[in-house]
């Protein structure tokens, strides 16, 4: 325990020395931790596309979810046209499936690798969700927030569901839940990690949301 406390609260922090980073390559020079989700959207031919996204986050305390996407991607066009999308949150054993969702399309515009991702229908919108994941969102398009080289796709959550093992309960320790669940996280720009070890955050006693 004493060793853990020393790691969390070193006696003296080293002097910080920084190096200037070019903004056009910033996110390639350092690691950042992000969620890893699979976004589903409906194609023009009535089939469904699935694509992994890591610049993704809840927006506000309830009701909205968003992710960054370039207008050059099929996902953006599908959502712009259809007005809805799904979000599936994968677990560590689904890393290969999640990677396959990023595969290039064939010359005819199809993505055969998606056949390796079993899906089931969304309940509220016209879309699909990925089997084996632990949390599922169904969203209607709220707006696009245009950025310099991409867009923030903002969705209004109209339905949410989760597997039993992912739902927090007063009768189950959060650390045990995460150890069993092992959700995927993306360590941008090139690595991933299973979140199966965690500790309680030391919030100040006066902290309020």
C-alpha atoms as a PDB file:
ATOM      1  CA  UNK A   1       0.000   0.000   0.000  1.00  0.00           C
ATOM      2  CA  UNK A   2       2.815   2.424   0.897  1.00  0.00           C
ATOM      3  CA  UNK A   3       4.479   1.789  -2.459  1.00  0.00           C
ATOM      4  CA  UNK A   4       1.189   2.513  -4.278  1.00  0.00           C
ATOM      5  CA  UNK A   5       0.816   5.795  -2.400  1.00  0.00           C
ATOM      6  CA  UNK A   6       4.368   6.801  -3.320  1.00  0.00           C
ATOM      7  CA  UNK A   7       3.588   6.142  -6.983  1.00  0.00           C
ATOM      8  CA  UNK A   8       0.451   8.281  -6.827  1.00  0.00           C
ATOM      9  CA  UNK A   9       1.959  11.067  -4.721  1.00  0.00           C
ATOM     10  CA  UNK A  10       5.718  11.339  -5.376  1.00  0.00           C
ATOM     11  CA  UNK A  11       7.649  13.385  -2.845  1.00  0.00           C
ATOM     12  CA  UNK A  12       8.858  15.828  -5.469  1.00  0.00           C
ATOM     13  CA  UNK A  13       7.621  16.155  -9.039  1.00  0.00           C
ATOM     14  CA  UNK A  14      10.392  16.491 -11.614  1.00  0.00           C
ATOM     15  CA  UNK A  15      10.770  19.781 -13.423  1.00  0.00           C
ATOM     16  CA  UNK A  16       8.672  19.781 -16.580  1.00  0.00           C
ATOM     17  CA  UNK A  17      10.623  20.265 -19.812  1.00  0.00           C
ATOM     18  CA  UNK A  18       8.506  20.518 -22.966  1.00  0.00           C
ATOM     19  CA  UNK A  19       9.247  20.285 -26.684  1.00  0.00           C
ATOM     20  CA  UNK A  20       7.341  22.224 -29.326  1.00  0.00           C
ATOM     21  CA  UNK A  21       5.130  20.062 -31.569  1.00  0.00           C
ATOM     22  CA  UNK A  22       3.933  20.892 -35.064  1.00  0.00           C
ATOM     23  CA  UNK A  23       0.140  21.177 -35.085  1.00  0.00           C
ATOM     24  CA  UNK A  24      -0.263  19.365 -38.407  1.00  0.00           C
ATOM     25  CA  UNK A  25       1.275  16.192 -36.923  1.00  0.00           C
ATOM     26  CA  UNK A  26       0.372  16.676 -33.245  1.00  0.00           C
ATOM     27  CA  UNK A  27      -1.751  13.555 -32.783  1.00  0.00           C
ATOM     28  CA  UNK A  28       0.876  11.398 -34.521  1.00  0.00           C
ATOM     29  CA  UNK A  29       3.641  12.430 -32.104  1.00  0.00           C
ATOM     30  CA  UNK A  30       2.004  11.599 -28.767  1.00  0.00           C
ATOM     31  CA  UNK A  31      -0.346   8.941 -27.398  1.00  0.00           C
ATOM     32  CA  UNK A  32      -3.872   9.798 -26.260  1.00  0.00           C
ATOM     33  CA  UNK A  33      -6.461   7.430 -24.800  1.00  0.00           C
ATOM     34  CA  UNK A  34      -9.915   7.376 -26.378  1.00  0.00           C
ATOM     35  CA  UNK A  35     -13.031   5.201 -26.531  1.00  0.00           C
ATOM     36  CA  UNK A  36     -13.302   2.726 -29.397  1.00  0.00           C
ATOM     37  CA  UNK A  37     -16.797   2.311 -30.834  1.00  0.00           C
ATOM     38  CA  UNK A  38     -18.395   0.925 -33.982  1.00  0.00           C
ATOM     39  CA  UNK A  39     -20.766   3.298 -35.769  1.00  0.00           C
ATOM     40  CA  UNK A  40     -23.485   1.833 -37.956  1.00  0.00           C
ATOM     41  CA  UNK A  41     -25.176   3.678 -40.816  1.00  0.00           C
ATOM     42  CA  UNK A  42     -27.525   2.805 -43.684  1.00  0.00           C
ATOM     43  CA  UNK A  43     -26.197   2.676 -47.256  1.00  0.00           C
ATOM     44  CA  UNK A  44     -28.005   3.869 -50.369  1.00  0.00           C
ATOM     45  CA  UNK A  45     -28.726   0.258 -51.425  1.00  0.00           C
ATOM     46  CA  UNK A  46     -30.426  -0.540 -48.119  1.00  0.00           C
ATOM     47  CA  UNK A  47     -27.531  -2.464 -46.582  1.00  0.00           C
ATOM     48  CA  UNK A  48     -25.670  -1.263 -43.498  1.00  0.00           C
ATOM     49  CA  UNK A  49     -22.138  -0.015 -43.046  1.00  0.00           C
ATOM     50  CA  UNK A  50     -20.075  -0.403 -39.861  1.00  0.00           C
ATOM     51  CA  UNK A  51     -16.990   1.665 -39.127  1.00  0.00           C
ATOM     52  CA  UNK A  52     -14.771   2.031 -36.038  1.00  0.00           C
ATOM     53  CA  UNK A  53     -14.428   5.511 -34.529  1.00  0.00           C
ATOM     54  CA  UNK A  54     -12.314   6.717 -31.626  1.00  0.00           C
ATOM     55  CA  UNK A  55     -12.954  10.477 -31.526  1.00  0.00           C
ATOM     56  CA  UNK A  56     -16.271   9.742 -29.838  1.00  0.00           C
ATOM     57  CA  UNK A  57     -17.878  10.904 -26.615  1.00  0.00           C
ATOM     58  CA  UNK A  58     -21.110  11.684 -24.749  1.00  0.00           C
ATOM     59  CA  UNK A  59     -22.064  15.329 -25.258  1.00  0.00           C
ATOM     60  CA  UNK A  60     -23.602  16.776 -22.132  1.00  0.00           C
ATOM     61  CA  UNK A  61     -24.876  14.794 -19.167  1.00  0.00           C
ATOM     62  CA  UNK A  62     -27.683  13.068 -21.033  1.00  0.00           C
ATOM     63  CA  UNK A  63     -29.323  12.744 -24.385  1.00  0.00           C
ATOM     64  CA  UNK A  64     -26.557  13.298 -26.955  1.00  0.00           C
ATOM     65  CA  UNK A  65     -23.578  11.391 -28.352  1.00  0.00           C
ATOM     66  CA  UNK A  66     -21.108  12.505 -30.963  1.00  0.00           C
ATOM     67  CA  UNK A  67     -18.079  11.457 -32.979  1.00  0.00           C
ATOM     68  CA  UNK A  68     -15.704  13.067 -35.451  1.00  0.00           C
ATOM     69  CA  UNK A  69     -15.888  12.003 -39.103  1.00  0.00           C
ATOM     70  CA  UNK A  70     -14.682  13.472 -42.361  1.00  0.00           C
ATOM     71  CA  UNK A  71     -17.296  14.294 -45.031  1.00  0.00           C
ATOM     72  CA  UNK A  72     -15.179  12.179 -47.410  1.00  0.00           C
ATOM     73  CA  UNK A  73     -16.208   8.996 -45.590  1.00  0.00           C
ATOM     74  CA  UNK A  74     -19.262   6.936 -46.467  1.00  0.00           C
ATOM     75  CA  UNK A  75     -20.400   7.096 -42.826  1.00  0.00           C
ATOM     76  CA  UNK A  76     -20.885  10.872 -43.047  1.00  0.00           C
ATOM     77  CA  UNK A  77     -22.886  10.665 -46.279  1.00  0.00           C
ATOM     78  CA  UNK A  78     -25.046   7.824 -44.994  1.00  0.00           C
ATOM     79  CA  UNK A  79     -25.952   9.714 -41.822  1.00  0.00           C
ATOM     80  CA  UNK A  80     -26.541  12.975 -43.694  1.00  0.00           C
ATOM     81  CA  UNK A  81     -28.973  11.201 -46.016  1.00  0.00           C
ATOM     82  CA  UNK A  82     -30.644   8.793 -43.603  1.00  0.00           C
ATOM     83  CA  UNK A  83     -30.608  10.974 -40.468  1.00  0.00           C
ATOM     84  CA  UNK A  84     -29.708   8.239 -37.998  1.00  0.00           C
ATOM     85  CA  UNK A  85     -26.879   6.030 -36.756  1.00  0.00           C
ATOM     86  CA  UNK A  86     -26.067   3.371 -34.166  1.00  0.00           C
ATOM     87  CA  UNK A  87     -23.139   3.021 -31.775  1.00  0.00           C
ATOM     88  CA  UNK A  88     -21.861  -0.341 -30.473  1.00  0.00           C
ATOM     89  CA  UNK A  89     -19.208  -0.514 -27.730  1.00  0.00           C
ATOM     90  CA  UNK A  90     -16.916  -3.544 -28.263  1.00  0.00           C
ATOM     91  CA  UNK A  91     -15.114  -5.702 -25.723  1.00  0.00           C
ATOM     92  CA  UNK A  92     -11.474  -6.797 -25.836  1.00  0.00           C
ATOM     93  CA  UNK A  93     -12.183 -10.123 -27.569  1.00  0.00           C
ATOM     94  CA  UNK A  94     -13.682  -8.189 -30.510  1.00  0.00           C
ATOM     95  CA  UNK A  95     -10.514  -6.371 -31.540  1.00  0.00           C
ATOM     96  CA  UNK A  96     -10.197  -8.343 -34.800  1.00  0.00           C
ATOM     97  CA  UNK A  97     -13.829  -7.702 -35.719  1.00  0.00           C
ATOM     98  CA  UNK A  98     -13.424  -4.017 -34.925  1.00  0.00           C
ATOM     99  CA  UNK A  99     -10.333  -3.864 -37.116  1.00  0.00           C
ATOM    100  CA  UNK A 100     -12.154  -5.575 -39.994  1.00  0.00           C
ATOM    101  CA  UNK A 101     -14.777  -2.819 -39.900  1.00  0.00           C
ATOM    102  CA  UNK A 102     -12.007  -0.427 -41.000  1.00  0.00           C
ATOM    103  CA  UNK A 103     -11.240  -2.484 -44.146  1.00  0.00           C
ATOM    104  CA  UNK A 104     -11.129  -0.832 -47.547  1.00  0.00           C
ATOM    105  CA  UNK A 105     -14.044  -1.198 -49.908  1.00  0.00           C
ATOM    106  CA  UNK A 106     -13.936  -3.247 -53.100  1.00  0.00           C
ATOM    107  CA  UNK A 107     -14.234  -1.562 -56.481  1.00  0.00           C
ATOM    108  CA  UNK A 108     -18.008  -2.034 -56.374  1.00  0.00           C
ATOM    109  CA  UNK A 109     -18.186  -0.063 -53.117  1.00  0.00           C
ATOM    110  CA  UNK A 110     -18.933  -3.033 -50.867  1.00  0.00           C
ATOM    111  CA  UNK A 111     -16.992  -4.009 -47.748  1.00  0.00           C
ATOM    112  CA  UNK A 112     -16.934  -7.848 -47.678  1.00  0.00           C
ATOM    113  CA  UNK A 113     -15.092  -7.918 -44.329  1.00  0.00           C
ATOM    114  CA  UNK A 114     -18.313  -6.809 -42.628  1.00  0.00           C
ATOM    115  CA  UNK A 115     -19.634 -10.350 -43.089  1.00  0.00           C
ATOM    116  CA  UNK A 116     -17.414 -11.280 -40.123  1.00  0.00           C
ATOM    117  CA  UNK A 117     -19.391  -8.943 -37.853  1.00  0.00           C
ATOM    118  CA  UNK A 118     -22.664 -10.537 -36.738  1.00  0.00           C
ATOM    119  CA  UNK A 119     -25.374  -7.956 -36.153  1.00  0.00           C
ATOM    120  CA  UNK A 120     -28.924  -7.615 -34.893  1.00  0.00           C
ATOM    121  CA  UNK A 121     -31.587  -4.988 -35.708  1.00  0.00           C
ATOM    122  CA  UNK A 122     -31.892  -1.765 -33.750  1.00  0.00           C
ATOM    123  CA  UNK A 123     -35.203  -1.383 -31.954  1.00  0.00           C
ATOM    124  CA  UNK A 124     -36.080   2.263 -32.606  1.00  0.00           C
ATOM    125  CA  UNK A 125     -34.270   3.392 -35.762  1.00  0.00           C
ATOM    126  CA  UNK A 126     -33.522   1.680 -39.080  1.00  0.00           C
ATOM    127  CA  UNK A 127     -30.065   0.308 -38.310  1.00  0.00           C
ATOM    128  CA  UNK A 128     -28.036  -2.584 -36.925  1.00  0.00           C
ATOM    129  CA  UNK A 129     -25.918  -3.173 -33.823  1.00  0.00           C
ATOM    130  CA  UNK A 130     -22.937  -5.502 -33.382  1.00  0.00           C
ATOM    131  CA  UNK A 131     -23.396  -8.772 -31.507  1.00  0.00           C
ATOM    132  CA  UNK A 132     -21.107  -9.329 -28.531  1.00  0.00           C
ATOM    133  CA  UNK A 133     -20.706  -5.666 -27.613  1.00  0.00           C
ATOM    134  CA  UNK A 134     -21.725  -4.444 -24.178  1.00  0.00           C
ATOM    135  CA  UNK A 135     -23.456  -1.067 -24.733  1.00  0.00           C
ATOM    136  CA  UNK A 136     -25.692   0.033 -27.611  1.00  0.00           C
ATOM    137  CA  UNK A 137     -26.972   3.461 -28.636  1.00  0.00           C
ATOM    138  CA  UNK A 138     -29.533   4.357 -31.276  1.00  0.00           C
ATOM    139  CA  UNK A 139     -29.292   7.974 -32.401  1.00  0.00           C
ATOM    140  CA  UNK A 140     -31.134  10.384 -34.641  1.00  0.00           C
ATOM    141  CA  UNK A 141     -28.990  13.043 -36.304  1.00  0.00           C
ATOM    142  CA  UNK A 142     -29.135  16.313 -34.399  1.00  0.00           C
ATOM    143  CA  UNK A 143     -26.556  18.359 -36.334  1.00  0.00           C
ATOM    144  CA  UNK A 144     -23.140  18.500 -37.960  1.00  0.00           C
ATOM    145  CA  UNK A 145     -20.576  20.821 -36.399  1.00  0.00           C
ATOM    146  CA  UNK A 146     -18.122  21.673 -39.146  1.00  0.00           C
ATOM    147  CA  UNK A 147     -14.427  21.753 -38.202  1.00  0.00           C
ATOM    148  CA  UNK A 148     -11.382  22.682 -40.286  1.00  0.00           C
ATOM    149  CA  UNK A 149     -10.808  19.241 -41.795  1.00  0.00           C
ATOM    150  CA  UNK A 150     -13.660  17.148 -40.405  1.00  0.00           C
ATOM    151  CA  UNK A 151     -17.070  17.345 -38.750  1.00  0.00           C
ATOM    152  CA  UNK A 152     -18.494  16.511 -35.351  1.00  0.00           C
ATOM    153  CA  UNK A 153     -21.559  14.340 -35.915  1.00  0.00           C
ATOM    154  CA  UNK A 154     -24.003  15.003 -33.081  1.00  0.00           C
ATOM    155  CA  UNK A 155     -26.759  12.493 -32.455  1.00  0.00           C
ATOM    156  CA  UNK A 156     -29.747  12.599 -30.130  1.00  0.00           C
ATOM    157  CA  UNK A 157     -29.967   9.274 -28.288  1.00  0.00           C
ATOM    158  CA  UNK A 158     -33.445   7.820 -28.753  1.00  0.00           C
ATOM    159  CA  UNK A 159     -32.735   4.355 -27.297  1.00  0.00           C
ATOM    160  CA  UNK A 160     -29.978   2.774 -25.205  1.00  0.00           C
ATOM    161  CA  UNK A 161     -29.433  -0.768 -23.965  1.00  0.00           C
ATOM    162  CA  UNK A 162     -26.680  -2.828 -22.348  1.00  0.00           C
ATOM    163  CA  UNK A 163     -25.947  -6.429 -21.470  1.00  0.00           C
ATOM    164  CA  UNK A 164     -26.503  -7.412 -17.840  1.00  0.00           C
ATOM    165  CA  UNK A 165     -22.788  -7.710 -17.104  1.00  0.00           C
ATOM    166  CA  UNK A 166     -22.203  -4.071 -18.087  1.00  0.00           C
ATOM    167  CA  UNK A 167     -24.804  -2.447 -15.834  1.00  0.00           C
ATOM    168  CA  UNK A 168     -23.488  -0.969 -12.587  1.00  0.00           C
ATOM    169  CA  UNK A 169     -25.150  -2.122  -9.375  1.00  0.00           C
ATOM    170  CA  UNK A 170     -24.722  -1.299  -5.665  1.00  0.00           C
ATOM    171  CA  UNK A 171     -24.291  -5.042  -5.140  1.00  0.00           C
ATOM    172  CA  UNK A 172     -21.255  -5.300  -7.415  1.00  0.00           C
ATOM    173  CA  UNK A 173     -17.867  -3.624  -7.139  1.00  0.00           C
ATOM    174  CA  UNK A 174     -17.079  -1.380 -10.119  1.00  0.00           C
ATOM    175  CA  UNK A 175     -13.541  -2.758 -10.356  1.00  0.00           C
ATOM    176  CA  UNK A 176     -14.861  -6.326 -10.618  1.00  0.00           C
ATOM    177  CA  UNK A 177     -17.353  -5.277 -13.275  1.00  0.00           C
ATOM    178  CA  UNK A 178     -14.640  -3.700 -15.445  1.00  0.00           C
ATOM    179  CA  UNK A 179     -12.282  -6.648 -14.890  1.00  0.00           C
ATOM    180  CA  UNK A 180     -14.906  -9.002 -16.270  1.00  0.00           C
ATOM    181  CA  UNK A 181     -16.196  -6.684 -18.994  1.00  0.00           C
ATOM    182  CA  UNK A 182     -12.785  -5.572 -20.372  1.00  0.00           C
ATOM    183  CA  UNK A 183     -14.031  -2.822 -22.721  1.00  0.00           C
ATOM    184  CA  UNK A 184     -11.768  -1.750 -25.579  1.00  0.00           C
ATOM    185  CA  UNK A 185      -9.979   1.589 -25.625  1.00  0.00           C
ATOM    186  CA  UNK A 186      -7.910   3.041 -28.451  1.00  0.00           C
ATOM    187  CA  UNK A 187      -4.492   4.475 -27.644  1.00  0.00           C
ATOM    188  CA  UNK A 188      -4.198   6.768 -30.628  1.00  0.00           C
ATOM    189  CA  UNK A 189      -2.520   6.709 -33.087  1.00  0.00           C
ATOM    190  CA  UNK A 190      -1.720   2.999 -33.292  1.00  0.00           C
ATOM    191  CA  UNK A 191      -2.444   0.863 -30.220  1.00  0.00           C
ATOM    192  CA  UNK A 192      -5.316  -0.548 -28.184  1.00  0.00           C
ATOM    193  CA  UNK A 193      -5.853  -1.697 -24.622  1.00  0.00           C
ATOM    194  CA  UNK A 194      -8.401  -3.731 -22.692  1.00  0.00           C
ATOM    195  CA  UNK A 195      -9.611  -1.792 -19.665  1.00  0.00           C
ATOM    196  CA  UNK A 196      -9.586  -4.594 -17.099  1.00  0.00           C
ATOM    197  CA  UNK A 197      -7.818  -2.853 -14.217  1.00  0.00           C
ATOM    198  CA  UNK A 198      -9.016   0.352 -12.594  1.00  0.00           C
ATOM    199  CA  UNK A 199      -8.993   2.292  -9.332  1.00  0.00           C
ATOM    200  CA  UNK A 200     -11.458   4.711  -7.768  1.00  0.00           C
ATOM    201  CA  UNK A 201     -10.738   8.343  -8.647  1.00  0.00           C
ATOM    202  CA  UNK A 202      -9.826  10.412  -5.555  1.00  0.00           C
ATOM    203  CA  UNK A 203     -12.537  13.059  -5.829  1.00  0.00           C
ATOM    204  CA  UNK A 204     -12.362  15.838  -3.207  1.00  0.00           C
ATOM    205  CA  UNK A 205     -15.087  15.503  -0.568  1.00  0.00           C
ATOM    206  CA  UNK A 206     -16.681  18.758  -1.798  1.00  0.00           C
ATOM    207  CA  UNK A 207     -16.804  17.678  -5.453  1.00  0.00           C
ATOM    208  CA  UNK A 208     -20.154  18.077  -7.214  1.00  0.00           C
ATOM    209  CA  UNK A 209     -21.096  17.581 -10.860  1.00  0.00           C
END
